[in-house]
Protein backbone atom coordinates (compact mmCIF):
# COMPACT_ATOMS: atom_id res chain seq x y z
CA MET A 1 22.43 1.22 -21.64
CA GLU A 2 23.64 -2.36 -21.47
CA ALA A 3 23.30 -2.31 -17.67
CA LEU A 4 19.67 -1.16 -18.00
CA ALA A 5 18.83 -3.73 -20.68
CA GLU A 6 20.45 -6.78 -19.08
CA PRO A 7 17.74 -7.54 -16.45
CA LEU A 8 15.01 -7.13 -19.08
CA ALA A 9 16.39 -10.09 -21.03
CA TYR A 10 14.81 -12.43 -18.48
CA ALA A 11 11.07 -13.12 -18.52
CA PHE A 12 10.86 -13.33 -14.71
CA MET A 13 12.45 -9.87 -14.42
CA GLN A 14 9.98 -8.44 -16.93
CA ARG A 15 7.10 -9.78 -14.84
CA ALA A 16 8.72 -8.41 -11.67
CA PHE A 17 8.95 -4.92 -13.19
CA LEU A 18 5.34 -5.00 -14.39
CA VAL A 19 3.93 -6.22 -11.08
CA SER A 20 5.98 -3.85 -8.95
CA VAL A 21 5.22 -0.77 -11.07
CA LEU A 22 1.48 -1.49 -11.20
CA ALA A 23 1.32 -2.19 -7.46
CA ALA A 24 3.35 0.95 -6.76
CA VAL A 25 1.07 3.16 -8.87
CA VAL A 26 -2.11 1.83 -7.23
CA CYS A 27 -0.61 2.16 -3.74
CA GLY A 28 0.72 5.61 -4.57
CA VAL A 29 -2.68 6.93 -5.62
CA LEU A 30 -4.50 5.44 -2.62
CA SER A 31 -1.79 6.62 -0.21
CA CYS A 32 -2.75 10.25 -0.88
CA TRP A 33 -6.17 9.70 0.71
CA LEU A 34 -4.79 7.55 3.53
CA VAL A 35 -2.28 10.25 4.50
CA LEU A 36 -4.88 13.01 4.17
CA ILE A 37 -7.52 11.24 6.29
CA GLY A 38 -5.01 9.84 8.79
CA TRP A 39 -5.65 6.17 8.05
CA SER A 40 -2.04 4.99 8.14
CA LEU A 41 -2.78 2.59 10.99
CA MET A 42 -5.79 1.23 9.10
CA GLY A 43 -3.53 0.43 6.16
CA ASP A 44 -1.19 -1.40 8.50
CA ALA A 45 -4.11 -3.34 9.98
CA VAL A 46 -5.55 -4.51 6.68
CA SER A 47 -2.16 -5.46 5.25
CA HIS A 48 -1.42 -7.74 8.21
CA ALA A 49 -4.95 -9.09 8.60
CA VAL A 50 -4.96 -10.72 5.15
CA LEU A 51 -2.31 -13.28 6.16
CA PRO A 52 -4.68 -16.02 7.42
CA GLY A 53 -6.81 -15.59 4.30
CA VAL A 54 -3.82 -16.22 2.06
CA VAL A 55 -2.81 -19.34 3.99
CA LEU A 56 -6.38 -20.71 3.99
CA ALA A 57 -6.60 -20.06 0.25
CA TYR A 58 -3.42 -22.12 -0.19
CA ILE A 59 -4.87 -24.96 1.91
CA LEU A 60 -8.11 -24.96 -0.11
CA GLY A 61 -6.36 -24.62 -3.45
CA ALA A 62 -8.00 -21.26 -4.15
CA PRO A 63 -6.28 -18.14 -5.57
CA PHE A 64 -4.36 -16.22 -2.91
CA ALA A 65 -6.17 -13.02 -3.92
CA VAL A 66 -9.55 -14.46 -2.94
CA GLY A 67 -8.45 -15.35 0.59
CA ALA A 68 -6.63 -12.06 1.05
CA LEU A 69 -9.61 -10.01 -0.11
CA VAL A 70 -12.06 -11.91 2.11
CA PHE A 71 -9.93 -11.42 5.22
CA GLY A 72 -9.13 -7.82 4.33
CA LEU A 73 -12.84 -7.00 4.19
CA LEU A 74 -13.43 -9.10 7.32
CA ALA A 75 -10.80 -7.08 9.21
CA VAL A 76 -12.45 -3.81 8.18
CA ALA A 77 -15.87 -5.10 9.26
CA LEU A 78 -14.54 -6.35 12.62
CA ILE A 79 -12.79 -3.06 13.35
CA GLY A 80 -15.99 -1.15 12.60
CA GLU A 81 -18.05 -3.53 14.75
CA VAL A 82 -15.75 -3.21 17.78
CA ARG A 83 -15.47 0.57 17.38
CA ASP A 84 -19.19 1.23 16.92
CA ARG A 85 -20.60 -1.20 19.50
CA SER A 86 -18.22 -0.78 22.42
CA VAL A 87 -16.36 1.88 24.37
CA ILE A 88 -13.12 0.86 22.66
CA ARG A 89 -11.60 3.62 20.51
CA GLU A 90 -10.72 3.03 16.86
CA ASP A 91 -6.94 2.78 17.37
CA ALA A 92 -7.39 0.12 20.04
CA ALA A 93 -9.91 -1.78 17.88
CA ILE A 94 -7.45 -1.73 14.99
CA GLY A 95 -4.66 -3.00 17.24
CA VAL A 96 -6.74 -5.86 18.60
CA VAL A 97 -8.13 -7.05 15.24
CA PHE A 98 -4.98 -6.91 13.15
CA THR A 99 -2.68 -8.47 15.76
CA VAL A 100 -5.07 -11.36 16.40
CA LEU A 101 -5.60 -12.05 12.69
CA PHE A 102 -1.88 -11.74 11.97
CA ALA A 103 -1.11 -14.17 14.79
CA LEU A 104 -3.71 -16.57 13.39
CA GLY A 105 -1.95 -16.40 10.03
CA LEU A 106 1.43 -17.17 11.59
CA VAL A 107 -0.07 -20.17 13.42
CA LEU A 108 -1.60 -21.46 10.19
CA ILE A 109 1.75 -21.13 8.42
CA SER A 110 3.48 -23.07 11.21
CA VAL A 111 1.06 -26.02 11.04
CA THR A 112 0.48 -26.16 7.28
CA PRO A 113 2.59 -28.71 5.38
CA SER A 114 3.62 -27.00 2.19
CA GLN A 115 5.74 -27.55 -0.88
CA THR A 116 5.69 -23.77 -1.28
CA ASP A 117 7.66 -21.38 0.89
CA LEU A 118 4.80 -19.57 2.61
CA GLY A 119 7.36 -17.13 4.02
CA HIS A 120 7.06 -15.38 0.66
CA ILE A 121 3.63 -14.22 1.79
CA LEU A 122 5.32 -12.21 4.54
CA PHE A 123 8.12 -10.66 2.51
CA GLY A 124 6.99 -10.95 -1.11
CA ASN A 125 8.40 -12.91 -4.01
CA LEU A 126 8.72 -10.54 -6.93
CA LEU A 127 11.10 -12.77 -8.86
CA GLY A 128 8.74 -15.72 -8.55
CA VAL A 129 5.70 -14.00 -10.08
CA SER A 130 3.98 -16.27 -12.60
CA SER A 131 1.96 -15.22 -15.65
CA LEU A 132 -1.25 -16.05 -13.73
CA ASP A 133 -0.10 -13.89 -10.81
CA LEU A 134 0.63 -11.06 -13.22
CA LEU A 135 -2.84 -11.32 -14.77
CA GLN A 136 -4.42 -11.27 -11.31
CA VAL A 137 -2.49 -8.16 -10.28
CA VAL A 138 -3.32 -6.39 -13.55
CA VAL A 139 -7.06 -7.07 -13.25
CA LEU A 140 -7.33 -6.07 -9.58
CA GLY A 141 -5.02 -3.10 -10.05
CA VAL A 142 -6.94 -1.69 -13.02
CA ILE A 143 -10.28 -2.11 -11.19
CA THR A 144 -8.98 -0.38 -8.06
CA LEU A 145 -7.32 2.45 -9.97
CA ALA A 146 -10.39 3.02 -12.14
CA VAL A 147 -12.72 3.31 -9.14
CA LEU A 148 -10.31 5.65 -7.33
CA LEU A 149 -10.04 7.96 -10.32
CA LEU A 150 -13.76 7.89 -11.16
CA LYS A 151 -14.75 8.70 -7.57
CA ARG A 152 -11.80 10.98 -6.78
CA ARG A 153 -13.92 14.12 -6.36
CA ASP A 154 -16.32 12.48 -3.90
CA LEU A 155 -13.48 10.82 -1.99
CA THR A 156 -11.51 14.05 -1.81
CA LEU A 157 -14.51 15.97 -0.47
CA TYR A 158 -15.08 13.18 2.07
CA ALA A 159 -11.44 13.43 3.16
CA PHE A 160 -11.46 17.23 3.54
CA ASP A 161 -14.97 17.85 4.87
CA PRO A 162 -17.34 14.90 5.43
CA THR A 163 -19.97 17.25 6.88
CA HIS A 164 -20.10 19.25 3.67
CA ALA A 165 -20.15 16.02 1.66
CA GLN A 166 -23.23 14.92 3.55
CA ALA A 167 -24.87 18.34 3.10
CA ILE A 168 -24.67 18.09 -0.70
CA GLY A 169 -26.18 14.60 -0.76
CA LEU A 170 -23.18 12.29 -0.48
CA ASN A 171 -23.11 9.48 2.06
CA PRO A 172 -19.86 9.78 4.09
CA ARG A 173 -20.35 6.35 5.67
CA ARG A 174 -20.69 4.73 2.26
CA LEU A 175 -17.68 6.62 0.90
CA GLY A 176 -15.61 5.51 3.89
CA ALA A 177 -16.69 1.91 3.38
CA MET A 178 -15.80 2.12 -0.32
CA LEU A 179 -12.37 3.53 0.50
CA LEU A 180 -11.76 0.70 2.96
CA ALA A 181 -12.83 -1.88 0.38
CA LEU A 182 -10.41 -0.32 -2.11
CA LEU A 183 -7.72 -0.48 0.57
CA ALA A 184 -8.32 -4.22 0.90
CA LEU A 185 -8.08 -4.63 -2.89
CA THR A 186 -4.89 -2.58 -3.00
CA VAL A 187 -3.31 -4.73 -0.31
CA VAL A 188 -4.05 -7.79 -2.44
CA VAL A 189 -2.39 -6.09 -5.44
CA ALA A 190 0.75 -5.13 -3.49
CA LEU A 191 0.98 -8.42 -1.60
CA GLN A 192 2.68 -10.14 -4.51
CA ALA A 193 5.29 -7.41 -4.73
CA VAL A 194 6.49 -6.82 -1.17
CA GLY A 195 4.54 -9.19 1.07
CA VAL A 196 2.37 -8.58 4.10
CA VAL A 197 5.02 -6.95 6.26
CA LEU A 198 6.06 -4.21 3.82
CA VAL A 199 2.73 -3.43 2.14
CA VAL A 200 2.05 -0.65 4.63
CA ALA A 201 5.21 1.15 3.49
CA MET A 202 3.95 1.28 -0.09
CA LEU A 203 0.58 2.49 1.17
CA ILE A 204 2.02 5.39 3.20
CA ILE A 205 5.45 6.55 1.98
CA PRO A 206 4.48 7.82 -1.52
CA GLY A 207 1.59 9.92 -0.18
CA ALA A 208 3.68 11.25 2.71
CA THR A 209 6.49 12.19 0.32
CA ALA A 210 4.12 13.91 -2.07
CA ARG A 211 2.60 15.85 0.84
CA LEU A 212 6.03 17.28 1.65
CA LEU A 213 6.49 18.36 -1.96
CA THR A 214 3.13 19.99 -2.67
CA ASP A 215 0.12 21.50 -0.91
CA ARG A 216 -2.29 20.78 -3.79
CA PHE A 217 -4.12 17.46 -3.58
CA ALA A 218 -4.53 17.17 -7.35
CA ARG A 219 -0.77 17.50 -7.64
CA MET A 220 -0.29 14.88 -4.93
CA LEU A 221 -2.26 12.41 -7.05
CA GLN A 222 0.33 12.87 -9.79
CA VAL A 223 3.49 13.06 -7.68
CA ALA A 224 2.82 10.07 -5.39
CA PRO A 225 2.35 7.38 -8.07
CA ALA A 226 5.24 8.81 -10.10
CA ILE A 227 7.55 8.52 -7.09
CA ALA A 228 6.25 5.04 -6.27
CA ALA A 229 6.73 3.77 -9.83
CA GLY A 230 10.22 5.26 -10.10
CA CYS A 231 11.25 3.72 -6.79
CA ALA A 232 9.85 0.34 -7.88
CA VAL A 233 12.06 0.35 -10.98
CA ALA A 234 15.10 1.64 -9.08
CA GLY A 235 14.62 -0.89 -6.29
CA ILE A 236 14.45 -3.86 -8.65
CA TYR A 237 17.53 -2.73 -10.57
CA ALA A 238 19.38 -2.30 -7.27
CA SER A 239 18.30 -5.73 -6.06
CA TYR A 240 19.45 -7.31 -9.34
CA TYR A 241 22.95 -5.86 -9.21
CA LEU A 242 23.40 -6.03 -5.43
CA ASP A 243 21.89 -9.53 -5.19
CA THR A 244 19.40 -8.55 -2.48
CA ALA A 245 15.68 -9.12 -1.89
CA SER A 246 13.58 -7.13 -4.37
CA GLY A 247 10.62 -6.09 -2.20
CA PRO A 248 12.68 -4.56 0.61
CA MET A 249 14.85 -2.71 -1.93
CA VAL A 250 11.73 -1.11 -3.42
CA VAL A 251 10.71 0.09 0.03
CA LEU A 252 14.24 1.33 0.79
CA ALA A 253 14.19 3.33 -2.43
CA GLN A 254 10.91 4.94 -1.34
CA GLY A 255 12.36 5.65 2.09
CA SER A 256 15.39 7.33 0.52
CA VAL A 257 13.18 9.62 -1.56
CA PHE A 258 11.10 10.45 1.50
CA LEU A 259 14.28 11.37 3.42
CA GLY A 260 15.36 13.63 0.58
CA ALA A 261 11.97 15.35 0.55
CA TYR A 262 11.95 15.65 4.34
CA LEU A 263 15.32 17.41 4.25
CA PHE A 264 15.23 19.39 0.99
CA ALA A 265 11.58 19.99 0.01
CA PRO A 266 11.39 23.60 -1.22
CA ARG A 267 8.58 24.59 1.14
CA HIS A 268 8.22 21.98 3.88
CA GLY A 269 11.77 20.58 4.02
CA LEU A 270 13.66 20.63 7.31
CA LEU A 271 16.51 22.76 5.95
CA ARG A 272 14.05 25.28 4.46
CA ARG A 273 12.22 25.60 7.78
CA ARG A 274 15.49 26.10 9.66
CA ARG A 275 16.62 28.80 7.27
CA HIS A 276 13.24 30.48 7.62
CA ARG A 277 13.48 30.45 11.44
CA ALA A 278 17.05 31.73 11.35
CA ALA A 279 16.01 34.58 9.06
CA ALA A 280 13.09 35.43 11.37
CA VAL A 281 15.39 35.53 14.41
CA ALA A 282 17.91 37.71 12.55
């Protein structure tokens, strides 16, 4: 018990736990839809595209979340514009937009004189979270989670059958736009925890792990955030005692759980499938 209580004696560790768990839960819930629809690459694009917005917000003295949200929505709009008004396919449009915006962010970092280590934007700075940062994450996280849960039925129908959604009076285009806007908000929430580079892991791994463990989407919405939150706590404890970076340890914890599910899931695990094939051959 003493080993569990020791990190909690420090205020900066308490803030790190709160931010990482909230970010993990929001990412875990959203990841179920991203995995179901096949928007993993879109999550990667938005998470990288916010970088120039964060740097510009620093230059202008504005909150990082404002710049990140503006550029996250801008990236989504640009991808849609290129996809809808040219012969370029969506995956190519995503690749062009997010790499150019990410490169712009790296250039801005290289030419911006700063008393702050802007490298934390790339890899996160959980142990440096301030009370203001915590408040920002809580507000954005609660808003995002509330909208996801309130609109979960419409979003789930859109993910499974957009044609049927349109037939009963829903607007698939509007639902897709709302989901992308929530993705941008979620990236802003998780940015403080693991940085631009690793946000995509938190947006994909929990949903992918839950998909291996259950075939029911309602169950996925419970399993994914639970796994994400547990891995956030485990990763921070591991980083404290191993003296390693906190954000990457959170992602490594999620990766370890995914590997376990990939191998040992009762229905979709690799070992289960091999035993099933062996029994069929016999």
